Amino acid sequence: MARLGTPDADQYISSETLTVAVAARFNPATSHDATGTYQLDIDARPFLLDIGNGEVSVRAGEADRPGVSISTDSGSLIALINGTHTLADSLTEGFITIDGDPAATMALARAFDLAVTEPE
């Protein structure tokens, strides 16, 4: 949503709309290590992210064997996308849960240009 702006407090952003924002964050130049299928649950709604050949597709559904499973709510995902929270902050504060290979998690974060920790 960094490209779309931060919603006002009274605006509702659906999980489907957020998947568009997630896809917009995708950076093909940094995605080479992130090839695979990932599960992203937003407000308990399941979505699959398929990454390969420098492209991402996001669609509703559950992955059979995702490399990483991520669960969060809309507000926390917006904060992560906007850079208000880092991935480390989101995990520590319980705003997001991640299950899976740590190396795949880092590759996924790079593919979407997400701040993992605060710059030093």
PDB file of N, CA and C in Angstrom:
ATOM      1  N   MET A   1       0.822  -1.172   0.000  1.00  0.00           N
ATOM      2  CA  MET A   1       0.000   0.000   0.000  1.00  0.00           C
ATOM      3  C   MET A   1       0.872   1.244   0.000  1.00  0.00           C
ATOM      4  N   ALA A   2       2.190   1.060   0.087  1.00  0.00           N
ATOM      5  CA  ALA A   2       3.069   2.212  -0.007  1.00  0.00           C
ATOM      6  C   ALA A   2       2.840   2.928  -1.324  1.00  0.00           C
ATOM      7  N   ARG A   3       2.493   2.190  -2.355  1.00  0.00           N
ATOM      8  CA  ARG A   3       2.212   2.799  -3.651  1.00  0.00           C
ATOM      9  C   ARG A   3       0.798   3.358  -3.700  1.00  0.00           C
ATOM     10  N   LEU A   4      -0.074   2.857  -2.851  1.00  0.00           N
ATOM     11  CA  LEU A   4      -1.476   3.269  -2.860  1.00  0.00           C
ATOM     12  C   LEU A   4      -1.816   4.219  -1.731  1.00  0.00           C
ATOM     13  N   GLY A   5      -0.970   4.326  -0.744  1.00  0.00           N
ATOM     14  CA  GLY A   5      -1.228   5.188   0.400  1.00  0.00           C
ATOM     15  C   GLY A   5      -1.829   4.425   1.557  1.00  0.00           C
ATOM     16  N   THR A   6      -1.786   5.019   2.712  1.00  0.00           N
ATOM     17  CA  THR A   6      -2.332   4.419   3.922  1.00  0.00           C
ATOM     18  C   THR A   6      -3.817   4.757   4.023  1.00  0.00           C
ATOM     19  N   PRO A   7      -4.656   3.759   4.273  1.00  0.00           N
ATOM     20  CA  PRO A   7      -6.094   4.036   4.370  1.00  0.00           C
ATOM     21  C   PRO A   7      -6.424   4.837   5.623  1.00  0.00           C
ATOM     22  N   ASP A   8      -7.492   5.600   5.547  1.00  0.00           N
ATOM     23  CA  ASP A   8      -7.992   6.309   6.718  1.00  0.00           C
ATOM     24  C   ASP A   8      -8.552   5.299   7.706  1.00  0.00           C
ATOM     25  N   ALA A   9      -8.662   5.704   8.963  1.00  0.00           N
ATOM     26  CA  ALA A   9      -9.121   4.797  10.013  1.00  0.00           C
ATOM     27  C   ALA A   9     -10.523   4.262   9.738  1.00  0.00           C
ATOM     28  N   ASP A  10     -11.361   5.032   9.057  1.00  0.00           N
ATOM     29  CA  ASP A  10     -12.733   4.608   8.808  1.00  0.00           C
ATOM     30  C   ASP A  10     -12.906   3.845   7.491  1.00  0.00           C
ATOM     31  N   GLN A  11     -11.814   3.592   6.779  1.00  0.00           N
ATOM     32  CA  GLN A  11     -11.889   2.865   5.520  1.00  0.00           C
ATOM     33  C   GLN A  11     -11.682   1.374   5.757  1.00  0.00           C
ATOM     34  N   TYR A  12     -12.512   0.560   5.113  1.00  0.00           N
ATOM     35  CA  TYR A  12     -12.370  -0.882   5.179  1.00  0.00           C
ATOM     36  C   TYR A  12     -11.583  -1.344   3.957  1.00  0.00           C
ATOM     37  N   ILE A  13     -10.547  -2.128   4.195  1.00  0.00           N
ATOM     38  CA  ILE A  13      -9.755  -2.700   3.116  1.00  0.00           C
ATOM     39  C   ILE A  13      -9.946  -4.217   3.179  1.00  0.00           C
ATOM     40  N   SER A  14     -10.538  -4.783   2.154  1.00  0.00           N
ATOM     41  CA  SER A  14     -10.804  -6.227   2.149  1.00  0.00           C
ATOM     42  C   SER A  14      -9.512  -7.008   1.939  1.00  0.00           C
ATOM     43  N   SER A  15      -9.532  -8.258   2.325  1.00  0.00           N
ATOM     44  CA  SER A  15      -8.360  -9.112   2.122  1.00  0.00           C
ATOM     45  C   SER A  15      -8.080  -9.284   0.632  1.00  0.00           C
ATOM     46  N   GLU A  16      -9.114  -9.301  -0.187  1.00  0.00           N
ATOM     47  CA  GLU A  16      -8.913  -9.405  -1.639  1.00  0.00           C
ATOM     48  C   GLU A  16      -8.178  -8.182  -2.170  1.00  0.00           C
ATOM     49  N   THR A  17      -8.549  -7.009  -1.698  1.00  0.00           N
ATOM     50  CA  THR A  17      -7.871  -5.777  -2.104  1.00  0.00           C
ATOM     51  C   THR A  17      -6.414  -5.802  -1.667  1.00  0.00           C
ATOM     52  N   LEU A  18      -6.165  -6.320  -0.491  1.00  0.00           N
ATOM     53  CA  LEU A  18      -4.790  -6.401   0.004  1.00  0.00           C
ATOM     54  C   LEU A  18      -3.920  -7.313  -0.846  1.00  0.00           C
ATOM     55  N   THR A  19      -4.508  -8.342  -1.442  1.00  0.00           N
ATOM     56  CA  THR A  19      -3.702  -9.211  -2.300  1.00  0.00           C
ATOM     57  C   THR A  19      -3.200  -8.451  -3.523  1.00  0.00           C
ATOM     58  N   VAL A  20      -3.966  -7.467  -3.985  1.00  0.00           N
ATOM     59  CA  VAL A  20      -3.517  -6.621  -5.094  1.00  0.00           C
ATOM     60  C   VAL A  20      -2.313  -5.793  -4.643  1.00  0.00           C
ATOM     61  N   ALA A  21      -2.389  -5.265  -3.422  1.00  0.00           N
ATOM     62  CA  ALA A  21      -1.269  -4.486  -2.875  1.00  0.00           C
ATOM     63  C   ALA A  21      -0.036  -5.361  -2.683  1.00  0.00           C
ATOM     64  N   VAL A  22      -0.244  -6.590  -2.230  1.00  0.00           N
ATOM     65  CA  VAL A  22       0.877  -7.523  -2.064  1.00  0.00           C
ATOM     66  C   VAL A  22       1.532  -7.774  -3.418  1.00  0.00           C
ATOM     67  N   ALA A  23       0.733  -8.077  -4.426  1.00  0.00           N
ATOM     68  CA  ALA A  23       1.275  -8.333  -5.765  1.00  0.00           C
ATOM     69  C   ALA A  23       2.003  -7.107  -6.307  1.00  0.00           C
ATOM     70  N   ALA A  24       1.501  -5.916  -6.004  1.00  0.00           N
ATOM     71  CA  ALA A  24       2.139  -4.685  -6.479  1.00  0.00           C
ATOM     72  C   ALA A  24       3.512  -4.474  -5.846  1.00  0.00           C
ATOM     73  N   ARG A  25       3.735  -5.036  -4.668  1.00  0.00           N
ATOM     74  CA  ARG A  25       5.026  -4.916  -3.988  1.00  0.00           C
ATOM     75  C   ARG A  25       6.084  -5.855  -4.559  1.00  0.00           C
ATOM     76  N   PHE A  26       5.673  -6.826  -5.337  1.00  0.00           N
ATOM     77  CA  PHE A  26       6.586  -7.843  -5.853  1.00  0.00           C
ATOM     78  C   PHE A  26       7.681  -7.206  -6.705  1.00  0.00           C
ATOM     79  N   ASN A  27       8.922  -7.629  -6.444  1.00  0.00           N
ATOM     80  CA  ASN A  27      10.074  -7.115  -7.178  1.00  0.00           C
ATOM     81  C   ASN A  27      10.748  -8.290  -7.889  1.00  0.00           C
ATOM     82  N   PRO A  28      10.552  -8.411  -9.200  1.00  0.00           N
ATOM     83  CA  PRO A  28      11.149  -9.533  -9.931  1.00  0.00           C
ATOM     84  C   PRO A  28      12.670  -9.606  -9.783  1.00  0.00           C
ATOM     85  N   ALA A  29      13.318  -8.460  -9.631  1.00  0.00           N
ATOM     86  CA  ALA A  29      14.787  -8.435  -9.547  1.00  0.00           C
ATOM     87  C   ALA A  29      15.315  -9.081  -8.271  1.00  0.00           C
ATOM     88  N   THR A  30      14.498  -9.141  -7.230  1.00  0.00           N
ATOM     89  CA  THR A  30      14.949  -9.715  -5.960  1.00  0.00           C
ATOM     90  C   THR A  30      14.222 -11.022  -5.623  1.00  0.00           C
ATOM     91  N   SER A  31      13.541 -11.603  -6.610  1.00  0.00           N
ATOM     92  CA  SER A  31      12.697 -12.764  -6.332  1.00  0.00           C
ATOM     93  C   SER A  31      13.310 -14.112  -6.682  1.00  0.00           C
ATOM     94  N   HIS A  32      14.522 -14.142  -7.212  1.00  0.00           N
ATOM     95  CA  HIS A  32      15.079 -15.403  -7.721  1.00  0.00           C
ATOM     96  C   HIS A  32      15.175 -16.512  -6.674  1.00  0.00           C
ATOM     97  N   ASP A  33      15.395 -16.175  -5.412  1.00  0.00           N
ATOM     98  CA  ASP A  33      15.489 -17.196  -4.359  1.00  0.00           C
ATOM     99  C   ASP A  33      14.129 -17.571  -3.772  1.00  0.00           C
ATOM    100  N   ALA A  34      13.078 -16.892  -4.217  1.00  0.00           N
ATOM    101  CA  ALA A  34      11.758 -17.100  -3.618  1.00  0.00           C
ATOM    102  C   ALA A  34      10.839 -17.977  -4.459  1.00  0.00           C
ATOM    103  N   THR A  35      11.373 -18.642  -5.462  1.00  0.00           N
ATOM    104  CA  THR A  35      10.539 -19.481  -6.318  1.00  0.00           C
ATOM    105  C   THR A  35       9.826 -20.540  -5.488  1.00  0.00           C
ATOM    106  N   GLY A  36       8.507 -20.636  -5.659  1.00  0.00           N
ATOM    107  CA  GLY A  36       7.736 -21.634  -4.931  1.00  0.00           C
ATOM    108  C   GLY A  36       6.327 -21.169  -4.648  1.00  0.00           C
ATOM    109  N   THR A  37       5.639 -21.947  -3.835  1.00  0.00           N
ATOM    110  CA  THR A  37       4.263 -21.653  -3.442  1.00  0.00           C
ATOM    111  C   THR A  37       4.228 -21.321  -1.961  1.00  0.00           C
ATOM    112  N   TYR A  38       3.472 -20.290  -1.637  1.00  0.00           N
ATOM    113  CA  TYR A  38       3.367 -19.807  -0.255  1.00  0.00           C
ATOM    114  C   TYR A  38       1.905 -19.644   0.109  1.00  0.00           C
ATOM    115  N   GLN A  39       1.613 -19.805   1.385  1.00  0.00           N
ATOM    116  CA  GLN A  39       0.267 -19.614   1.910  1.00  0.00           C
ATOM    117  C   GLN A  39       0.232 -18.282   2.649  1.00  0.00           C
ATOM    118  N   LEU A  40      -0.746 -17.451   2.346  1.00  0.00           N
ATOM    119  CA  LEU A  40      -0.942 -16.181   3.037  1.00  0.00           C
ATOM    120  C   LEU A  40      -2.384 -16.120   3.498  1.00  0.00           C
ATOM    121  N   ASP A  41      -2.588 -16.164   4.810  1.00  0.00           N
ATOM    122  CA  ASP A  41      -3.927 -16.050   5.383  1.00  0.00           C
ATOM    123  C   ASP A  41      -4.106 -14.630   5.910  1.00  0.00           C
ATOM    124  N   ILE A  42      -5.065 -13.914   5.331  1.00  0.00           N
ATOM    125  CA  ILE A  42      -5.365 -12.544   5.741  1.00  0.00           C
ATOM    126  C   ILE A  42      -6.754 -12.556   6.358  1.00  0.00           C
ATOM    127  N   ASP A  43      -6.853 -12.181   7.619  1.00  0.00           N
ATOM    128  CA  ASP A  43      -8.137 -12.208   8.328  1.00  0.00           C
ATOM    129  C   ASP A  43      -8.803 -13.585   8.185  1.00  0.00           C
ATOM    130  N   ALA A  44      -7.992 -14.638   8.307  1.00  0.00           N
ATOM    131  CA  ALA A  44      -8.426 -16.034   8.235  1.00  0.00           C
ATOM    132  C   ALA A  44      -8.923 -16.444   6.845  1.00  0.00           C
ATOM    133  N   ARG A  45      -8.670 -15.644   5.821  1.00  0.00           N
ATOM    134  CA  ARG A  45      -9.001 -15.997   4.430  1.00  0.00           C
ATOM    135  C   ARG A  45      -7.727 -16.479   3.754  1.00  0.00           C
ATOM    136  N   PRO A  46      -7.736 -17.697   3.202  1.00  0.00           N
ATOM    137  CA  PRO A  46      -6.518 -18.259   2.609  1.00  0.00           C
ATOM    138  C   PRO A  46      -6.273 -17.791   1.163  1.00  0.00           C
ATOM    139  N   PHE A  47      -5.007 -17.464   0.906  1.00  0.00           N
ATOM    140  CA  PHE A  47      -4.558 -17.090  -0.436  1.00  0.00           C
ATOM    141  C   PHE A  47      -3.251 -17.809  -0.730  1.00  0.00           C
ATOM    142  N   LEU A  48      -3.036 -18.123  -2.007  1.00  0.00           N
ATOM    143  CA  LEU A  48      -1.789 -18.743  -2.454  1.00  0.00           C
ATOM    144  C   LEU A  48      -0.982 -17.701  -3.207  1.00  0.00           C
ATOM    145  N   LEU A  49       0.307 -17.688  -2.944  1.00  0.00           N
ATOM    146  CA  LEU A  49       1.239 -16.904  -3.735  1.00  0.00           C
ATOM    147  C   LEU A  49       2.122 -17.889  -4.470  1.00  0.00           C
ATOM    148  N   ASP A  50       2.121 -17.814  -5.786  1.00  0.00           N
ATOM    149  CA  ASP A  50       3.010 -18.632  -6.605  1.00  0.00           C
ATOM    150  C   ASP A  50       4.044 -17.709  -7.224  1.00  0.00           C
ATOM    151  N   ILE A  51       5.319 -18.030  -6.994  1.00  0.00           N
ATOM    152  CA  ILE A  51       6.408 -17.211  -7.517  1.00  0.00           C
ATOM    153  C   ILE A  51       7.290 -18.078  -8.400  1.00  0.00           C
ATOM    154  N   GLY A  52       7.572 -17.571  -9.579  1.00  0.00           N
ATOM    155  CA  GLY A  52       8.465 -18.280 -10.488  1.00  0.00           C
ATOM    156  C   GLY A  52       8.725 -17.458 -11.736  1.00  0.00           C
ATOM    157  N   ASN A  53       9.914 -17.589 -12.274  1.00  0.00           N
ATOM    158  CA  ASN A  53      10.292 -16.881 -13.500  1.00  0.00           C
ATOM    159  C   ASN A  53      10.096 -15.373 -13.403  1.00  0.00           C
ATOM    160  N   GLY A  54      10.351 -14.817 -12.221  1.00  0.00           N
ATOM    161  CA  GLY A  54      10.234 -13.373 -12.042  1.00  0.00           C
ATOM    162  C   GLY A  54       8.813 -12.857 -12.025  1.00  0.00           C
ATOM    163  N   GLU A  55       7.847 -13.731 -11.763  1.00  0.00           N
ATOM    164  CA  GLU A  55       6.437 -13.336 -11.726  1.00  0.00           C
ATOM    165  C   GLU A  55       5.777 -13.866 -10.463  1.00  0.00           C
ATOM    166  N   VAL A  56       4.704 -13.195 -10.061  1.00  0.00           N
ATOM    167  CA  VAL A  56       3.925 -13.650  -8.914  1.00  0.00           C
ATOM    168  C   VAL A  56       2.457 -13.707  -9.321  1.00  0.00           C
ATOM    169  N   SER A  57       1.777 -14.728  -8.827  1.00  0.00           N
ATOM    170  CA  SER A  57       0.323 -14.773  -8.958  1.00  0.00           C
ATOM    171  C   SER A  57      -0.238 -14.980  -7.561  1.00  0.00           C
ATOM    172  N   VAL A  58      -1.342 -14.321  -7.301  1.00  0.00           N
ATOM    173  CA  VAL A  58      -2.012 -14.426  -6.006  1.00  0.00           C
ATOM    174  C   VAL A  58      -3.460 -14.798  -6.286  1.00  0.00           C
ATOM    175  N   ARG A  59      -3.921 -15.840  -5.608  1.00  0.00           N
ATOM    176  CA  ARG A  59      -5.308 -16.245  -5.804  1.00  0.00           C
ATOM    177  C   ARG A  59      -5.849 -16.852  -4.510  1.00  0.00           C
ATOM    178  N   ALA A  60      -7.144 -16.869  -4.388  1.00  0.00           N
ATOM    179  CA  ALA A  60      -7.789 -17.466  -3.227  1.00  0.00           C
ATOM    180  C   ALA A  60      -7.557 -18.965  -3.232  1.00  0.00           C
ATOM    181  N   GLY A  61      -7.367 -19.536  -2.054  1.00  0.00           N
ATOM    182  CA  GLY A  61      -7.214 -20.978  -1.923  1.00  0.00           C
ATOM    183  C   GLY A  61      -6.111 -21.349  -0.959  1.00  0.00           C
ATOM    184  N   GLU A  62      -5.986 -22.640  -0.740  1.00  0.00           N
ATOM    185  CA  GLU A  62      -4.979 -23.162   0.181  1.00  0.00           C
ATOM    186  C   GLU A  62      -3.932 -23.962  -0.579  1.00  0.00           C
ATOM    187  N   ALA A  63      -2.684 -23.802  -0.161  1.00  0.00           N
ATOM    188  CA  ALA A  63      -1.575 -24.533  -0.773  1.00  0.00           C
ATOM    189  C   ALA A  63      -1.472 -25.917  -0.151  1.00  0.00           C
ATOM    190  N   ASP A  64      -1.118 -26.915  -0.975  1.00  0.00           N
ATOM    191  CA  ASP A  64      -0.941 -28.273  -0.465  1.00  0.00           C
ATOM    192  C   ASP A  64       0.281 -28.375   0.442  1.00  0.00           C
ATOM    193  N   ARG A  65       1.419 -27.884  -0.052  1.00  0.00           N
ATOM    194  CA  ARG A  65       2.662 -27.927   0.722  1.00  0.00           C
ATOM    195  C   ARG A  65       3.418 -26.616   0.521  1.00  0.00           C
ATOM    196  N   PRO A  66       2.981 -25.562   1.189  1.00  0.00           N
ATOM    197  CA  PRO A  66       3.648 -24.266   0.987  1.00  0.00           C
ATOM    198  C   PRO A  66       5.050 -24.248   1.594  1.00  0.00           C
ATOM    199  N   GLY A  67       5.941 -23.488   0.968  1.00  0.00           N
ATOM    200  CA  GLY A  67       7.281 -23.309   1.526  1.00  0.00           C
ATOM    201  C   GLY A  67       7.232 -22.542   2.834  1.00  0.00           C
ATOM    202  N   VAL A  68       6.282 -21.627   2.931  1.00  0.00           N
ATOM    203  CA  VAL A  68       6.075 -20.815   4.127  1.00  0.00           C
ATOM    204  C   VAL A  68       4.583 -20.543   4.241  1.00  0.00           C
ATOM    205  N   SER A  69       4.062 -20.570   5.463  1.00  0.00           N
ATOM    206  CA  SER A  69       2.677 -20.186   5.735  1.00  0.00           C
ATOM    207  C   SER A  69       2.696 -18.945   6.613  1.00  0.00           C
ATOM    208  N   ILE A  70       1.951 -17.937   6.193  1.00  0.00           N
ATOM    209  CA  ILE A  70       1.908 -16.662   6.908  1.00  0.00           C
ATOM    210  C   ILE A  70       0.461 -16.383   7.286  1.00  0.00           C
ATOM    211  N   SER A  71       0.259 -15.942   8.508  1.00  0.00           N
ATOM    212  CA  SER A  71      -1.079 -15.594   8.971  1.00  0.00           C
ATOM    213  C   SER A  71      -1.022 -14.225   9.634  1.00  0.00           C
ATOM    214  N   THR A  72      -1.950 -13.348   9.232  1.00  0.00           N
ATOM    215  CA  THR A  72      -1.989 -11.997   9.785  1.00  0.00           C
ATOM    216  C   THR A  72      -3.376 -11.401   9.570  1.00  0.00           C
ATOM    217  N   ASP A  73      -3.572 -10.215  10.089  1.00  0.00           N
ATOM    218  CA  ASP A  73      -4.813  -9.493   9.851  1.00  0.00           C
ATOM    219  C   ASP A  73      -4.539  -8.339   8.883  1.00  0.00           C
ATOM    220  N   SER A  74      -5.595  -7.747   8.368  1.00  0.00           N
ATOM    221  CA  SER A  74      -5.459  -6.690   7.361  1.00  0.00           C
ATOM    222  C   SER A  74      -4.615  -5.519   7.853  1.00  0.00           C
ATOM    223  N   GLY A  75      -4.912  -5.032   9.034  1.00  0.00           N
ATOM    224  CA  GLY A  75      -4.194  -3.872   9.564  1.00  0.00           C
ATOM    225  C   GLY A  75      -2.702  -4.130   9.723  1.00  0.00           C
ATOM    226  N   SER A  76      -2.348  -5.307  10.190  1.00  0.00           N
ATOM    227  CA  SER A  76      -0.932  -5.645  10.370  1.00  0.00           C
ATOM    228  C   SER A  76      -0.225  -5.802   9.030  1.00  0.00           C
ATOM    229  N   LEU A  77      -0.928  -6.353   8.052  1.00  0.00           N
ATOM    230  CA  LEU A  77      -0.331  -6.486   6.724  1.00  0.00           C
ATOM    231  C   LEU A  77      -0.102  -5.117   6.096  1.00  0.00           C
ATOM    232  N   ILE A  78      -1.053  -4.219   6.274  1.00  0.00           N
ATOM    233  CA  ILE A  78      -0.881  -2.855   5.763  1.00  0.00           C
ATOM    234  C   ILE A  78       0.328  -2.196   6.405  1.00  0.00           C
ATOM    235  N   ALA A  79       0.488  -2.353   7.713  1.00  0.00           N
ATOM    236  CA  ALA A  79       1.632  -1.762   8.418  1.00  0.00           C
ATOM    237  C   ALA A  79       2.948  -2.350   7.910  1.00  0.00           C
ATOM    238  N   LEU A  80       2.967  -3.623   7.606  1.00  0.00           N
ATOM    239  CA  LEU A  80       4.174  -4.263   7.072  1.00  0.00           C
ATOM    240  C   LEU A  80       4.467  -3.765   5.657  1.00  0.00           C
ATOM    241  N   ILE A  81       3.451  -3.699   4.826  1.00  0.00           N
ATOM    242  CA  ILE A  81       3.625  -3.233   3.451  1.00  0.00           C
ATOM    243  C   ILE A  81       4.070  -1.773   3.415  1.00  0.00           C
ATOM    244  N   ASN A  82       3.482  -0.944   4.273  1.00  0.00           N
ATOM    245  CA  ASN A  82       3.824   0.482   4.306  1.00  0.00           C
ATOM    246  C   ASN A  82       5.158   0.766   4.968  1.00  0.00           C
ATOM    247  N   GLY A  83       5.711  -0.218   5.670  1.00  0.00           N
ATOM    248  CA  GLY A  83       6.971  -0.002   6.368  1.00  0.00           C
ATOM    249  C   GLY A  83       6.797   0.581   7.763  1.00  0.00           C
ATOM    250  N   THR A  84       5.554   0.667   8.228  1.00  0.00           N
ATOM    251  CA  THR A  84       5.302   1.142   9.594  1.00  0.00           C
ATOM    252  C   THR A  84       5.844   0.148  10.610  1.00  0.00           C
ATOM    253  N   HIS A  85       5.756  -1.146  10.277  1.00  0.00           N
ATOM    254  CA  HIS A  85       6.339  -2.214  11.083  1.00  0.00           C
ATOM    255  C   HIS A  85       7.325  -2.996  10.232  1.00  0.00           C
ATOM    256  N   THR A  86       8.398  -3.431  10.858  1.00  0.00           N
ATOM    257  CA  THR A  86       9.314  -4.349  10.187  1.00  0.00           C
ATOM    258  C   THR A  86       8.791  -5.766  10.381  1.00  0.00           C
ATOM    259  N   LEU A  87       9.340  -6.695   9.640  1.00  0.00           N
ATOM    260  CA  LEU A  87       8.960  -8.089   9.807  1.00  0.00           C
ATOM    261  C   LEU A  87       9.307  -8.563  11.217  1.00  0.00           C
ATOM    262  N   ALA A  88      10.474  -8.180  11.707  1.00  0.00           N
ATOM    263  CA  ALA A  88      10.893  -8.575  13.060  1.00  0.00           C
ATOM    264  C   ALA A  88       9.931  -8.027  14.114  1.00  0.00           C
ATOM    265  N   ASP A  89       9.540  -6.755  13.988  1.00  0.00           N
ATOM    266  CA  ASP A  89       8.583  -6.157  14.926  1.00  0.00           C
ATOM    267  C   ASP A  89       7.244  -6.891  14.874  1.00  0.00           C
ATOM    268  N   SER A  90       6.786  -7.159  13.667  1.00  0.00           N
ATOM    269  CA  SER A  90       5.492  -7.824  13.493  1.00  0.00           C
ATOM    270  C   SER A  90       5.483  -9.204  14.133  1.00  0.00           C
ATOM    271  N   LEU A  91       6.587  -9.927  13.996  1.00  0.00           N
ATOM    272  CA  LEU A  91       6.692 -11.247  14.617  1.00  0.00           C
ATOM    273  C   LEU A  91       6.765 -11.143  16.138  1.00  0.00           C
ATOM    274  N   THR A  92       7.619 -10.255  16.626  1.00  0.00           N
ATOM    275  CA  THR A  92       7.802 -10.085  18.068  1.00  0.00           C
ATOM    276  C   THR A  92       6.512  -9.664  18.759  1.00  0.00           C
ATOM    277  N   GLU A  93       5.768  -8.767  18.118  1.00  0.00           N
ATOM    278  CA  GLU A  93       4.539  -8.244  18.717  1.00  0.00           C
ATOM    279  C   GLU A  93       3.332  -9.137  18.464  1.00  0.00           C
ATOM    280  N   GLY A  94       3.524 -10.236  17.725  1.00  0.00           N
ATOM    281  CA  GLY A  94       2.448 -11.176  17.480  1.00  0.00           C
ATOM    282  C   GLY A  94       1.446 -10.733  16.426  1.00  0.00           C
ATOM    283  N   PHE A  95       1.805  -9.758  15.607  1.00  0.00           N
ATOM    284  CA  PHE A  95       0.907  -9.283  14.551  1.00  0.00           C
ATOM    285  C   PHE A  95       0.886 -10.214  13.356  1.00  0.00           C
ATOM    286  N   ILE A  96       1.895 -11.051  13.252  1.00  0.00           N
ATOM    287  CA  ILE A  96       2.023 -11.978  12.132  1.00  0.00           C
ATOM    288  C   ILE A  96       2.642 -13.267  12.661  1.00  0.00           C
ATOM    289  N   THR A  97       2.206 -14.399  12.138  1.00  0.00           N
ATOM    290  CA  THR A  97       2.844 -15.670  12.468  1.00  0.00           C
ATOM    291  C   THR A  97       3.341 -16.296  11.165  1.00  0.00           C
ATOM    292  N   ILE A  98       4.492 -16.908  11.257  1.00  0.00           N
ATOM    293  CA  ILE A  98       5.110 -17.531  10.091  1.00  0.00           C
ATOM    294  C   ILE A  98       5.549 -18.932  10.471  1.00  0.00           C
ATOM    295  N   ASP A  99       5.189 -19.873   9.619  1.00  0.00           N
ATOM    296  CA  ASP A  99       5.581 -21.265   9.816  1.00  0.00           C
ATOM    297  C   ASP A  99       6.262 -21.731   8.536  1.00  0.00           C
ATOM    298  N   GLY A 100       7.479 -22.234   8.683  1.00  0.00           N
ATOM    299  CA  GLY A 100       8.192 -22.729   7.515  1.00  0.00           C
ATOM    300  C   GLY A 100       9.668 -22.436   7.588  1.00  0.00           C
ATOM    301  N   ASP A 101      10.324 -22.676   6.486  1.00  0.00           N
ATOM    302  CA  ASP A 101      11.769 -22.527   6.361  1.00  0.00           C
ATOM    303  C   ASP A 101      12.191 -21.069   6.529  1.00  0.00           C
ATOM    304  N   PRO A 102      13.072 -20.762   7.500  1.00  0.00           N
ATOM    305  CA  PRO A 102      13.528 -19.385   7.690  1.00  0.00           C
ATOM    306  C   PRO A 102      14.202 -18.790   6.449  1.00  0.00           C
ATOM    307  N   ALA A 103      14.961 -19.601   5.709  1.00  0.00           N
ATOM    308  CA  ALA A 103      15.609 -19.085   4.492  1.00  0.00           C
ATOM    309  C   ALA A 103      14.564 -18.716   3.449  1.00  0.00           C
ATOM    310  N   ALA A 104      13.503 -19.511   3.331  1.00  0.00           N
ATOM    311  CA  ALA A 104      12.416 -19.192   2.393  1.00  0.00           C
ATOM    312  C   ALA A 104      11.667 -17.943   2.842  1.00  0.00           C
ATOM    313  N   THR A 105      11.526 -17.766   4.141  1.00  0.00           N
ATOM    314  CA  THR A 105      10.884 -16.562   4.673  1.00  0.00           C
ATOM    315  C   THR A 105      11.682 -15.321   4.301  1.00  0.00           C
ATOM    316  N   MET A 106      12.991 -15.386   4.444  1.00  0.00           N
ATOM    317  CA  MET A 106      13.841 -14.236   4.088  1.00  0.00           C
ATOM    318  C   MET A 106      13.804 -13.977   2.588  1.00  0.00           C
ATOM    319  N   ALA A 107      13.799 -15.036   1.781  1.00  0.00           N
ATOM    320  CA  ALA A 107      13.712 -14.872   0.329  1.00  0.00           C
ATOM    321  C   ALA A 107      12.387 -14.222  -0.050  1.00  0.00           C
ATOM    322  N   LEU A 108      11.319 -14.610   0.619  1.00  0.00           N
ATOM    323  CA  LEU A 108      10.007 -14.022   0.369  1.00  0.00           C
ATOM    324  C   LEU A 108       9.993 -12.539   0.742  1.00  0.00           C
ATOM    325  N   ALA A 109      10.587 -12.199   1.879  1.00  0.00           N
ATOM    326  CA  ALA A 109      10.670 -10.795   2.300  1.00  0.00           C
ATOM    327  C   ALA A 109      11.442  -9.966   1.274  1.00  0.00           C
ATOM    328  N   ARG A 110      12.543 -10.513   0.756  1.00  0.00           N
ATOM    329  CA  ARG A 110      13.316  -9.799  -0.273  1.00  0.00           C
ATOM    330  C   ARG A 110      12.509  -9.624  -1.558  1.00  0.00           C
ATOM    331  N   ALA A 111      11.736 -10.644  -1.921  1.00  0.00           N
ATOM    332  CA  ALA A 111      10.950 -10.585  -3.157  1.00  0.00           C
ATOM    333  C   ALA A 111       9.888  -9.493  -3.116  1.00  0.00           C
ATOM    334  N   PHE A 112       9.488  -9.097  -1.916  1.00  0.00           N
ATOM    335  CA  PHE A 112       8.478  -8.054  -1.770  1.00  0.00           C
ATOM    336  C   PHE A 112       9.056  -6.780  -1.149  1.00  0.00           C
ATOM    337  N   ASP A 113      10.382  -6.688  -1.106  1.00  0.00           N
ATOM    338  CA  ASP A 113      11.067  -5.503  -0.570  1.00  0.00           C
ATOM    339  C   ASP A 113      10.559  -5.093   0.807  1.00  0.00           C
ATOM    340  N   LEU A 114      10.346  -6.073   1.676  1.00  0.00           N
ATOM    341  CA  LEU A 114       9.871  -5.791   3.029  1.00  0.00           C
ATOM    342  C   LEU A 114      11.052  -5.538   3.953  1.00  0.00           C
ATOM    343  N   ALA A 115      10.899  -4.568   4.830  1.00  0.00           N
ATOM    344  CA  ALA A 115      11.914  -4.288   5.829  1.00  0.00           C
ATOM    345  C   ALA A 115      11.897  -5.402   6.859  1.00  0.00           C
ATOM    346  N   VAL A 116      13.010  -6.089   7.005  1.00  0.00           N
ATOM    347  CA  VAL A 116      13.098  -7.186   7.971  1.00  0.00           C
ATOM    348  C   VAL A 116      13.371  -6.643   9.364  1.00  0.00           C
ATOM    349  N   THR A 117      14.346  -5.746   9.456  1.00  0.00           N
ATOM    350  CA  THR A 117      14.686  -5.079  10.719  1.00  0.00           C
ATOM    351  C   THR A 117      14.898  -3.599  10.435  1.00  0.00           C
ATOM    352  N   GLU A 118      14.987  -2.836  11.496  1.00  0.00           N
ATOM    353  CA  GLU A 118      15.270  -1.389  11.351  1.00  0.00           C
ATOM    354  C   GLU A 118      16.662  -1.192  10.804  1.00  0.00           C
ATOM    355  N   PRO A 119      16.847  -0.247   9.896  1.00  0.00           N
ATOM    356  CA  PRO A 119      18.213   0.037   9.415  1.00  0.00           C
ATOM    357  C   PRO A 119      19.084   0.533  10.556  1.00  0.00           C
ATOM    358  N   GLU A 120      20.349   0.151  10.507  1.00  0.00           N
ATOM    359  CA  GLU A 120      21.258   0.560  11.588  1.00  0.00           C
ATOM    360  C   GLU A 120      21.905   1.867  11.287  1.00  0.00           C
TER     361      GLU A 120
END
